[in-house]
N, C-alpha and C. Protein backbone atom coordinates (compact mmCIF):
# COMPACT_ATOMS: atom_id res chain seq x y z
N MET A 1 -138.03 85.47 -54.78
CA MET A 1 -136.96 86.28 -55.36
C MET A 1 -136.62 85.69 -56.72
N ARG A 2 -136.43 86.55 -57.68
CA ARG A 2 -136.05 86.12 -59.02
C ARG A 2 -134.54 86.24 -59.18
N TYR A 3 -133.95 85.19 -59.77
CA TYR A 3 -132.53 85.17 -60.09
C TYR A 3 -132.40 84.95 -61.59
N PHE A 4 -131.27 85.40 -62.12
CA PHE A 4 -130.97 85.19 -63.53
C PHE A 4 -129.65 84.44 -63.59
N VAL A 5 -129.69 83.22 -64.11
CA VAL A 5 -128.50 82.38 -64.18
C VAL A 5 -128.10 82.28 -65.65
N THR A 6 -126.86 82.71 -65.94
CA THR A 6 -126.37 82.70 -67.31
C THR A 6 -125.32 81.61 -67.44
N ILE A 7 -125.58 80.67 -68.36
CA ILE A 7 -124.65 79.60 -68.67
C ILE A 7 -124.31 79.75 -70.14
N GLY A 8 -123.03 80.07 -70.44
CA GLY A 8 -122.68 80.37 -71.82
C GLY A 8 -123.41 81.62 -72.24
N GLU A 9 -124.21 81.55 -73.30
CA GLU A 9 -124.99 82.70 -73.76
C GLU A 9 -126.45 82.60 -73.34
N ARG A 10 -126.83 81.50 -72.68
CA ARG A 10 -128.24 81.28 -72.32
C ARG A 10 -128.52 81.80 -70.92
N GLU A 11 -129.52 82.66 -70.80
CA GLU A 11 -129.93 83.17 -69.50
C GLU A 11 -131.22 82.45 -69.08
N ILE A 12 -131.23 81.92 -67.85
CA ILE A 12 -132.37 81.17 -67.34
C ILE A 12 -132.94 81.89 -66.12
N PRO A 13 -134.22 82.28 -66.17
CA PRO A 13 -134.81 82.89 -64.98
C PRO A 13 -135.15 81.80 -63.95
N VAL A 14 -134.82 82.08 -62.70
CA VAL A 14 -135.07 81.13 -61.61
C VAL A 14 -135.80 81.88 -60.50
N ASP A 15 -137.01 81.42 -60.17
CA ASP A 15 -137.79 82.03 -59.09
C ASP A 15 -137.72 81.13 -57.86
N VAL A 16 -137.36 81.72 -56.71
CA VAL A 16 -137.20 80.96 -55.47
C VAL A 16 -138.20 81.48 -54.44
N THR A 17 -139.03 80.55 -53.91
CA THR A 17 -140.01 80.90 -52.89
C THR A 17 -139.79 80.00 -51.68
N PRO A 18 -139.48 80.59 -50.51
CA PRO A 18 -139.28 79.77 -49.30
C PRO A 18 -140.60 79.18 -48.81
N LEU A 19 -140.55 77.95 -48.30
CA LEU A 19 -141.71 77.29 -47.71
C LEU A 19 -141.64 77.38 -46.19
N PRO A 20 -142.77 77.31 -45.49
CA PRO A 20 -142.74 77.34 -44.02
C PRO A 20 -141.95 76.17 -43.42
N THR A 21 -141.79 75.08 -44.17
CA THR A 21 -141.07 73.90 -43.68
C THR A 21 -139.56 74.08 -43.74
N GLY A 22 -139.10 75.18 -44.36
CA GLY A 22 -137.67 75.39 -44.53
C GLY A 22 -137.21 75.00 -45.92
N GLY A 23 -138.04 74.31 -46.67
CA GLY A 23 -137.71 73.94 -48.04
C GLY A 23 -137.93 75.12 -48.97
N LEU A 24 -137.74 74.88 -50.22
CA LEU A 24 -137.90 75.92 -51.23
C LEU A 24 -138.72 75.38 -52.39
N VAL A 25 -139.51 76.24 -52.99
CA VAL A 25 -140.11 75.93 -54.28
C VAL A 25 -139.35 76.78 -55.28
N VAL A 26 -138.77 76.09 -56.24
CA VAL A 26 -137.95 76.76 -57.23
C VAL A 26 -138.57 76.53 -58.60
N ALA A 27 -138.78 77.60 -59.34
CA ALA A 27 -139.27 77.48 -60.71
C ALA A 27 -138.12 77.84 -61.63
N ILE A 28 -137.67 76.86 -62.40
CA ILE A 28 -136.56 77.05 -63.32
C ILE A 28 -137.13 77.16 -64.72
N ASP A 29 -136.99 78.32 -65.32
CA ASP A 29 -137.56 78.58 -66.64
C ASP A 29 -139.06 78.27 -66.65
N GLY A 30 -139.73 78.58 -65.52
CA GLY A 30 -141.16 78.39 -65.40
C GLY A 30 -141.60 77.01 -64.92
N ARG A 31 -140.68 76.04 -64.77
CA ARG A 31 -141.03 74.69 -64.32
C ARG A 31 -140.76 74.57 -62.83
N PRO A 32 -141.80 74.31 -62.01
CA PRO A 32 -141.59 74.24 -60.55
C PRO A 32 -140.90 72.94 -60.12
N ALA A 33 -140.10 73.06 -59.06
CA ALA A 33 -139.43 71.89 -58.46
C ALA A 33 -139.34 72.14 -56.97
N GLU A 34 -139.51 71.09 -56.15
CA GLU A 34 -139.35 71.22 -54.72
C GLU A 34 -137.88 70.98 -54.38
N VAL A 35 -137.27 71.93 -53.68
CA VAL A 35 -135.84 71.91 -53.43
C VAL A 35 -135.56 72.07 -51.94
N ASP A 36 -134.58 71.32 -51.45
CA ASP A 36 -134.13 71.44 -50.07
C ASP A 36 -132.61 71.51 -50.11
N VAL A 37 -132.00 72.44 -49.37
CA VAL A 37 -130.55 72.64 -49.39
C VAL A 37 -130.01 72.53 -47.97
N VAL A 38 -128.94 71.72 -47.81
CA VAL A 38 -128.27 71.56 -46.52
C VAL A 38 -126.78 71.76 -46.72
N ALA A 39 -126.17 72.62 -45.88
CA ALA A 39 -124.72 72.83 -45.94
C ALA A 39 -124.04 71.65 -45.28
N VAL A 40 -123.05 71.06 -45.98
CA VAL A 40 -122.27 69.94 -45.47
C VAL A 40 -120.80 70.33 -45.61
N GLY A 41 -120.21 70.84 -44.53
CA GLY A 41 -118.84 71.34 -44.60
C GLY A 41 -118.80 72.53 -45.53
N THR A 42 -117.93 72.47 -46.54
CA THR A 42 -117.82 73.56 -47.50
C THR A 42 -118.67 73.31 -48.75
N SER A 43 -119.43 72.22 -48.76
CA SER A 43 -120.27 71.88 -49.91
C SER A 43 -121.74 72.01 -49.56
N LEU A 44 -122.58 71.82 -50.53
CA LEU A 44 -124.02 71.83 -50.34
C LEU A 44 -124.59 70.50 -50.78
N SER A 45 -125.55 69.99 -50.04
CA SER A 45 -126.30 68.82 -50.46
C SER A 45 -127.68 69.34 -50.87
N VAL A 46 -128.00 69.19 -52.14
CA VAL A 46 -129.22 69.76 -52.70
C VAL A 46 -130.14 68.63 -53.14
N ARG A 47 -131.38 68.65 -52.63
CA ARG A 47 -132.39 67.67 -53.04
C ARG A 47 -133.36 68.39 -53.96
N VAL A 48 -133.47 67.90 -55.20
CA VAL A 48 -134.37 68.48 -56.19
C VAL A 48 -135.36 67.39 -56.58
N ASP A 49 -136.64 67.58 -56.21
CA ASP A 49 -137.69 66.60 -56.50
C ASP A 49 -137.26 65.18 -56.13
N GLY A 50 -136.64 65.02 -54.94
CA GLY A 50 -136.27 63.70 -54.44
C GLY A 50 -134.89 63.22 -54.87
N ARG A 51 -134.24 63.89 -55.78
CA ARG A 51 -132.90 63.50 -56.25
C ARG A 51 -131.86 64.36 -55.55
N VAL A 52 -130.84 63.72 -54.96
CA VAL A 52 -129.82 64.45 -54.20
C VAL A 52 -128.58 64.70 -55.06
N ILE A 53 -128.10 65.94 -54.99
CA ILE A 53 -126.91 66.35 -55.74
C ILE A 53 -125.95 67.00 -54.74
N ASP A 54 -124.71 66.52 -54.68
CA ASP A 54 -123.69 67.17 -53.87
C ASP A 54 -123.03 68.23 -54.74
N LEU A 55 -122.99 69.44 -54.23
CA LEU A 55 -122.58 70.59 -55.02
C LEU A 55 -121.50 71.38 -54.31
N SER A 56 -120.41 71.66 -55.00
CA SER A 56 -119.37 72.55 -54.48
C SER A 56 -119.44 73.84 -55.26
N VAL A 57 -119.32 74.95 -54.54
CA VAL A 57 -119.39 76.28 -55.16
C VAL A 57 -118.05 76.96 -54.99
N GLU A 58 -117.52 77.54 -56.08
CA GLU A 58 -116.24 78.24 -56.05
C GLU A 58 -116.44 79.67 -56.50
N GLY A 59 -115.68 80.58 -55.94
CA GLY A 59 -115.74 81.97 -56.36
C GLY A 59 -116.82 82.73 -55.63
N ASP A 60 -117.01 83.96 -56.02
CA ASP A 60 -117.98 84.85 -55.40
C ASP A 60 -118.99 85.32 -56.43
N PRO A 61 -120.27 85.41 -56.01
CA PRO A 61 -121.29 85.90 -56.95
C PRO A 61 -120.93 87.30 -57.44
N PRO A 62 -121.28 87.62 -58.64
CA PRO A 62 -122.18 86.86 -59.49
C PRO A 62 -121.50 85.77 -60.33
N ASP A 63 -120.17 85.79 -60.47
CA ASP A 63 -119.49 84.79 -61.29
C ASP A 63 -118.98 83.67 -60.42
N ILE A 64 -119.55 82.47 -60.59
CA ILE A 64 -119.20 81.34 -59.72
C ILE A 64 -118.93 80.08 -60.54
N GLY A 65 -118.18 79.19 -59.92
CA GLY A 65 -117.94 77.87 -60.49
C GLY A 65 -118.71 76.85 -59.68
N LEU A 66 -119.26 75.86 -60.33
CA LEU A 66 -120.02 74.80 -59.68
C LEU A 66 -119.43 73.45 -60.06
N VAL A 67 -119.32 72.55 -59.08
CA VAL A 67 -118.89 71.19 -59.34
C VAL A 67 -119.96 70.25 -58.80
N ALA A 68 -120.51 69.41 -59.68
CA ALA A 68 -121.53 68.43 -59.30
C ALA A 68 -121.29 67.15 -60.07
N SER A 69 -121.26 66.04 -59.37
CA SER A 69 -121.07 64.73 -59.99
C SER A 69 -119.84 64.71 -60.90
N GLY A 70 -118.78 65.37 -60.48
CA GLY A 70 -117.54 65.36 -61.24
C GLY A 70 -117.50 66.28 -62.44
N HIS A 71 -118.56 67.06 -62.65
CA HIS A 71 -118.63 67.99 -63.78
C HIS A 71 -118.53 69.42 -63.25
N ARG A 72 -117.76 70.24 -63.95
CA ARG A 72 -117.57 71.63 -63.54
C ARG A 72 -118.24 72.54 -64.56
N ALA A 73 -118.89 73.59 -64.04
CA ALA A 73 -119.51 74.60 -64.91
C ALA A 73 -119.28 75.97 -64.30
N TYR A 74 -119.20 76.96 -65.15
CA TYR A 74 -119.04 78.34 -64.70
C TYR A 74 -120.29 79.10 -65.12
N VAL A 75 -120.89 79.79 -64.16
CA VAL A 75 -122.14 80.48 -64.41
C VAL A 75 -122.08 81.90 -63.83
N ARG A 76 -123.00 82.71 -64.27
CA ARG A 76 -123.21 84.04 -63.69
C ARG A 76 -124.60 84.00 -63.08
N ALA A 77 -124.68 84.24 -61.77
CA ALA A 77 -125.97 84.19 -61.06
C ALA A 77 -126.21 85.54 -60.40
N GLU A 78 -127.24 86.25 -60.88
CA GLU A 78 -127.57 87.56 -60.34
C GLU A 78 -129.01 87.57 -59.85
N SER A 79 -129.23 88.14 -58.67
CA SER A 79 -130.60 88.32 -58.21
C SER A 79 -131.18 89.57 -58.87
N SER A 80 -132.49 89.70 -58.84
CA SER A 80 -133.10 90.90 -59.41
C SER A 80 -132.62 92.13 -58.64
N ARG A 81 -132.34 91.99 -57.34
CA ARG A 81 -131.81 93.11 -56.55
C ARG A 81 -130.40 93.50 -57.01
N MET A 82 -129.55 92.50 -57.29
CA MET A 82 -128.20 92.79 -57.78
C MET A 82 -128.27 93.55 -59.10
N ARG A 83 -129.18 93.13 -59.96
CA ARG A 83 -129.32 93.80 -61.26
C ARG A 83 -129.81 95.23 -61.08
N ALA A 84 -130.77 95.42 -60.17
CA ALA A 84 -131.30 96.77 -59.94
C ALA A 84 -130.21 97.68 -59.38
N ALA A 85 -129.38 97.15 -58.47
CA ALA A 85 -128.29 97.95 -57.89
C ALA A 85 -127.27 98.31 -58.96
N SER A 86 -126.94 97.35 -59.85
CA SER A 86 -125.99 97.63 -60.93
C SER A 86 -126.54 98.68 -61.88
N ALA A 87 -127.83 98.58 -62.18
CA ALA A 87 -128.45 99.55 -63.08
C ALA A 87 -128.46 100.94 -62.45
N ALA A 88 -128.70 101.00 -61.15
CA ALA A 88 -128.71 102.29 -60.45
C ALA A 88 -127.32 102.93 -60.46
N ARG A 89 -126.29 102.10 -60.41
CA ARG A 89 -124.91 102.61 -60.47
C ARG A 89 -124.46 102.83 -61.91
N GLY A 90 -125.31 102.43 -62.88
CA GLY A 90 -124.95 102.60 -64.28
C GLY A 90 -123.98 101.56 -64.79
N ARG A 91 -123.98 100.38 -64.15
CA ARG A 91 -123.02 99.33 -64.53
C ARG A 91 -123.72 98.05 -64.92
N THR A 92 -124.57 98.09 -65.88
CA THR A 92 -125.20 96.84 -66.31
C THR A 92 -124.20 96.09 -67.18
N ARG A 93 -123.99 94.82 -66.89
CA ARG A 93 -123.02 94.01 -67.63
C ARG A 93 -123.60 92.64 -67.95
N PRO A 94 -124.66 92.55 -68.76
CA PRO A 94 -125.25 91.26 -69.01
C PRO A 94 -124.28 90.27 -69.64
N GLU A 95 -123.26 90.76 -70.37
CA GLU A 95 -122.31 89.85 -71.00
C GLU A 95 -121.02 89.73 -70.20
N GLY A 96 -120.95 90.32 -69.04
CA GLY A 96 -119.73 90.26 -68.25
C GLY A 96 -118.71 91.27 -68.75
N ASP A 97 -117.61 91.36 -68.04
CA ASP A 97 -116.59 92.35 -68.39
C ASP A 97 -115.52 91.79 -69.32
N GLY A 98 -115.63 90.53 -69.70
CA GLY A 98 -114.67 89.93 -70.61
C GLY A 98 -113.41 89.40 -69.94
N ILE A 99 -113.32 89.51 -68.63
CA ILE A 99 -112.16 89.01 -67.90
C ILE A 99 -112.47 87.62 -67.38
N VAL A 100 -111.63 86.66 -67.72
CA VAL A 100 -111.76 85.30 -67.19
C VAL A 100 -110.82 85.21 -66.00
N ARG A 101 -111.38 84.87 -64.84
CA ARG A 101 -110.61 84.81 -63.59
C ARG A 101 -110.55 83.37 -63.09
N SER A 102 -109.53 83.08 -62.32
CA SER A 102 -109.43 81.75 -61.72
C SER A 102 -110.45 81.64 -60.60
N PRO A 103 -111.31 80.63 -60.64
CA PRO A 103 -112.30 80.48 -59.58
C PRO A 103 -111.72 79.90 -58.29
N MET A 104 -110.45 79.45 -58.36
CA MET A 104 -109.83 78.81 -57.19
C MET A 104 -108.33 79.02 -57.24
N PRO A 105 -107.64 78.88 -56.09
CA PRO A 105 -106.18 78.93 -56.13
C PRO A 105 -105.65 77.69 -56.85
N GLY A 106 -104.54 77.83 -57.55
CA GLY A 106 -103.97 76.69 -58.25
C GLY A 106 -102.73 77.07 -59.04
N ARG A 107 -102.37 76.19 -59.97
CA ARG A 107 -101.18 76.38 -60.80
C ARG A 107 -101.59 76.28 -62.26
N ILE A 108 -101.10 77.20 -63.08
CA ILE A 108 -101.40 77.19 -64.51
C ILE A 108 -100.59 76.07 -65.17
N VAL A 109 -101.28 75.09 -65.75
CA VAL A 109 -100.56 73.99 -66.41
C VAL A 109 -100.56 74.12 -67.93
N LYS A 110 -101.56 74.81 -68.50
CA LYS A 110 -101.60 75.01 -69.95
C LYS A 110 -102.32 76.31 -70.26
N ILE A 111 -101.80 77.01 -71.26
CA ILE A 111 -102.50 78.17 -71.81
C ILE A 111 -102.86 77.79 -73.24
N LEU A 112 -104.14 77.78 -73.54
CA LEU A 112 -104.62 77.24 -74.80
C LEU A 112 -104.91 78.31 -75.85
N VAL A 113 -104.71 79.60 -75.49
CA VAL A 113 -104.96 80.70 -76.44
C VAL A 113 -103.80 81.69 -76.37
N ALA A 114 -103.74 82.55 -77.36
CA ALA A 114 -102.73 83.62 -77.40
C ALA A 114 -103.43 84.93 -77.74
N LYS A 115 -102.77 86.02 -77.44
CA LYS A 115 -103.31 87.34 -77.75
C LYS A 115 -103.63 87.40 -79.25
N GLY A 116 -104.83 87.88 -79.56
CA GLY A 116 -105.27 87.98 -80.96
C GLY A 116 -106.14 86.83 -81.42
N ASP A 117 -106.14 85.71 -80.68
CA ASP A 117 -106.99 84.57 -81.06
C ASP A 117 -108.47 84.95 -80.95
N VAL A 118 -109.27 84.47 -81.88
CA VAL A 118 -110.72 84.66 -81.84
C VAL A 118 -111.31 83.38 -81.26
N VAL A 119 -112.15 83.53 -80.22
CA VAL A 119 -112.74 82.36 -79.56
C VAL A 119 -114.26 82.46 -79.54
N GLU A 120 -114.88 81.30 -79.53
CA GLU A 120 -116.33 81.21 -79.43
C GLU A 120 -116.70 80.95 -77.96
N VAL A 121 -117.97 81.06 -77.65
CA VAL A 121 -118.46 80.74 -76.31
C VAL A 121 -118.10 79.30 -75.99
N ASP A 122 -117.64 79.04 -74.79
CA ASP A 122 -117.30 77.72 -74.27
C ASP A 122 -115.99 77.17 -74.83
N ALA A 123 -115.20 78.00 -75.53
CA ALA A 123 -113.89 77.55 -76.02
C ALA A 123 -112.93 77.44 -74.85
N PRO A 124 -112.11 76.38 -74.79
CA PRO A 124 -111.15 76.24 -73.70
C PRO A 124 -110.07 77.32 -73.80
N LEU A 125 -109.72 77.92 -72.64
CA LEU A 125 -108.75 79.00 -72.61
C LEU A 125 -107.48 78.64 -71.83
N VAL A 126 -107.67 78.15 -70.61
CA VAL A 126 -106.57 77.90 -69.68
C VAL A 126 -106.89 76.65 -68.87
N VAL A 127 -105.85 75.90 -68.49
CA VAL A 127 -106.03 74.75 -67.59
C VAL A 127 -105.34 75.10 -66.28
N VAL A 128 -106.11 75.05 -65.18
CA VAL A 128 -105.60 75.33 -63.84
C VAL A 128 -105.66 74.04 -63.04
N GLU A 129 -104.55 73.69 -62.41
CA GLU A 129 -104.52 72.51 -61.54
C GLU A 129 -104.79 72.97 -60.12
N ALA A 130 -105.78 72.35 -59.49
CA ALA A 130 -106.12 72.64 -58.10
C ALA A 130 -106.45 71.32 -57.42
N MET A 131 -105.88 71.08 -56.29
CA MET A 131 -106.11 69.85 -55.52
C MET A 131 -105.92 68.61 -56.39
N LYS A 132 -104.84 68.58 -57.16
CA LYS A 132 -104.45 67.47 -58.03
C LYS A 132 -105.48 67.16 -59.11
N MET A 133 -106.28 68.17 -59.46
CA MET A 133 -107.30 67.99 -60.49
C MET A 133 -107.13 69.11 -61.52
N GLU A 134 -107.09 68.76 -62.80
CA GLU A 134 -106.97 69.76 -63.85
C GLU A 134 -108.35 70.29 -64.22
N ASN A 135 -108.48 71.63 -64.21
CA ASN A 135 -109.75 72.29 -64.48
C ASN A 135 -109.59 73.16 -65.72
N GLU A 136 -110.33 72.83 -66.77
CA GLU A 136 -110.27 73.59 -68.01
C GLU A 136 -111.24 74.75 -67.92
N LEU A 137 -110.71 75.97 -67.96
CA LEU A 137 -111.54 77.16 -67.89
C LEU A 137 -111.91 77.58 -69.31
N ARG A 138 -113.18 77.90 -69.50
CA ARG A 138 -113.70 78.16 -70.85
C ARG A 138 -114.24 79.58 -70.97
N ALA A 139 -114.34 80.04 -72.20
CA ALA A 139 -114.86 81.38 -72.49
C ALA A 139 -116.34 81.44 -72.16
N THR A 140 -116.74 82.49 -71.48
CA THR A 140 -118.15 82.68 -71.15
C THR A 140 -118.87 83.48 -72.23
N ARG A 141 -118.08 84.00 -73.18
CA ARG A 141 -118.65 84.71 -74.32
C ARG A 141 -117.68 84.67 -75.49
N ALA A 142 -118.17 84.96 -76.66
CA ALA A 142 -117.31 85.01 -77.84
C ALA A 142 -116.51 86.30 -77.84
N GLY A 143 -115.34 86.29 -78.45
CA GLY A 143 -114.55 87.51 -78.53
C GLY A 143 -113.14 87.23 -79.01
N THR A 144 -112.33 88.27 -78.97
CA THR A 144 -110.92 88.17 -79.34
C THR A 144 -110.09 88.28 -78.07
N VAL A 145 -109.10 87.43 -77.93
CA VAL A 145 -108.23 87.47 -76.75
C VAL A 145 -107.41 88.76 -76.83
N SER A 146 -107.66 89.68 -75.89
CA SER A 146 -106.94 90.96 -75.91
C SER A 146 -105.73 90.94 -74.98
N ASP A 147 -105.70 89.99 -74.04
CA ASP A 147 -104.53 89.88 -73.15
C ASP A 147 -104.54 88.54 -72.44
N VAL A 148 -103.36 88.01 -72.18
CA VAL A 148 -103.18 86.82 -71.36
C VAL A 148 -102.29 87.27 -70.20
N PHE A 149 -102.81 87.19 -68.98
CA PHE A 149 -102.14 87.75 -67.81
C PHE A 149 -101.20 86.78 -67.10
N VAL A 150 -101.21 85.50 -67.48
CA VAL A 150 -100.44 84.48 -66.77
C VAL A 150 -99.57 83.68 -67.74
N ALA A 151 -98.66 82.91 -67.17
CA ALA A 151 -97.80 82.03 -67.96
C ALA A 151 -97.87 80.63 -67.38
N THR A 152 -97.54 79.64 -68.19
CA THR A 152 -97.51 78.26 -67.71
C THR A 152 -96.57 78.16 -66.52
N GLY A 153 -97.04 77.48 -65.47
CA GLY A 153 -96.24 77.32 -64.26
C GLY A 153 -96.55 78.33 -63.18
N ASP A 154 -97.25 79.43 -63.52
CA ASP A 154 -97.60 80.43 -62.51
C ASP A 154 -98.54 79.85 -61.47
N THR A 155 -98.38 80.29 -60.23
CA THR A 155 -99.31 79.96 -59.16
C THR A 155 -100.25 81.15 -59.02
N VAL A 156 -101.57 80.86 -58.95
CA VAL A 156 -102.56 81.93 -58.90
C VAL A 156 -103.49 81.75 -57.70
N ASP A 157 -104.05 82.85 -57.24
CA ASP A 157 -105.06 82.84 -56.20
C ASP A 157 -106.43 82.82 -56.86
N GLY A 158 -107.48 82.49 -56.09
CA GLY A 158 -108.82 82.59 -56.59
C GLY A 158 -109.10 84.04 -56.93
N GLY A 159 -109.72 84.30 -58.08
CA GLY A 159 -110.04 85.67 -58.50
C GLY A 159 -108.96 86.32 -59.36
N THR A 160 -107.82 85.65 -59.54
CA THR A 160 -106.74 86.20 -60.35
C THR A 160 -107.17 86.31 -61.81
N LYS A 161 -106.87 87.45 -62.46
CA LYS A 161 -107.17 87.61 -63.88
C LYS A 161 -106.28 86.66 -64.68
N LEU A 162 -106.90 85.93 -65.61
CA LEU A 162 -106.16 85.00 -66.45
C LEU A 162 -106.11 85.48 -67.90
N VAL A 163 -107.31 85.76 -68.46
CA VAL A 163 -107.42 86.11 -69.87
C VAL A 163 -108.47 87.23 -70.02
N ALA A 164 -108.20 88.17 -70.92
CA ALA A 164 -109.18 89.22 -71.23
C ALA A 164 -109.71 88.99 -72.64
N LEU A 165 -111.02 89.03 -72.77
CA LEU A 165 -111.68 88.90 -74.07
C LEU A 165 -112.27 90.25 -74.45
N GLY A 166 -111.96 90.71 -75.66
CA GLY A 166 -112.49 92.00 -76.11
C GLY A 166 -113.60 91.80 -77.08
């Protein structure tokens, strides 16, 4: 199965082939790697070519947050089937809808932009505190801030709209 993983403005094709042993052969941008994934509670333990990475996943596909080794990233991960279904419905959104949502429940501690601000890809927008950890949410694309839906001190659920980029 082919997946398309978008980080910032870069889209990376990922091909996943299951092995009879239960492992996976994954080709990332054409480079093969042997991968094994085990669910550990709410996290995943991923072995890539002998190196183990503990991975936490937040949110729902296609827009998800990943935490590995203390680093957080927000990506868009779509399978070729998801893309085909979106195209059939007439809703192709390779750049996303411009809405930045909270990937987890938390409290807004800082708003770093205002309506009318022009931001670049990966610019910090909002800081959400979750589980005593501050998470800086960044722009997934360049644009102008068309709306800010929250205020400092607000409590939000996962999936709550925070900022709209036009």
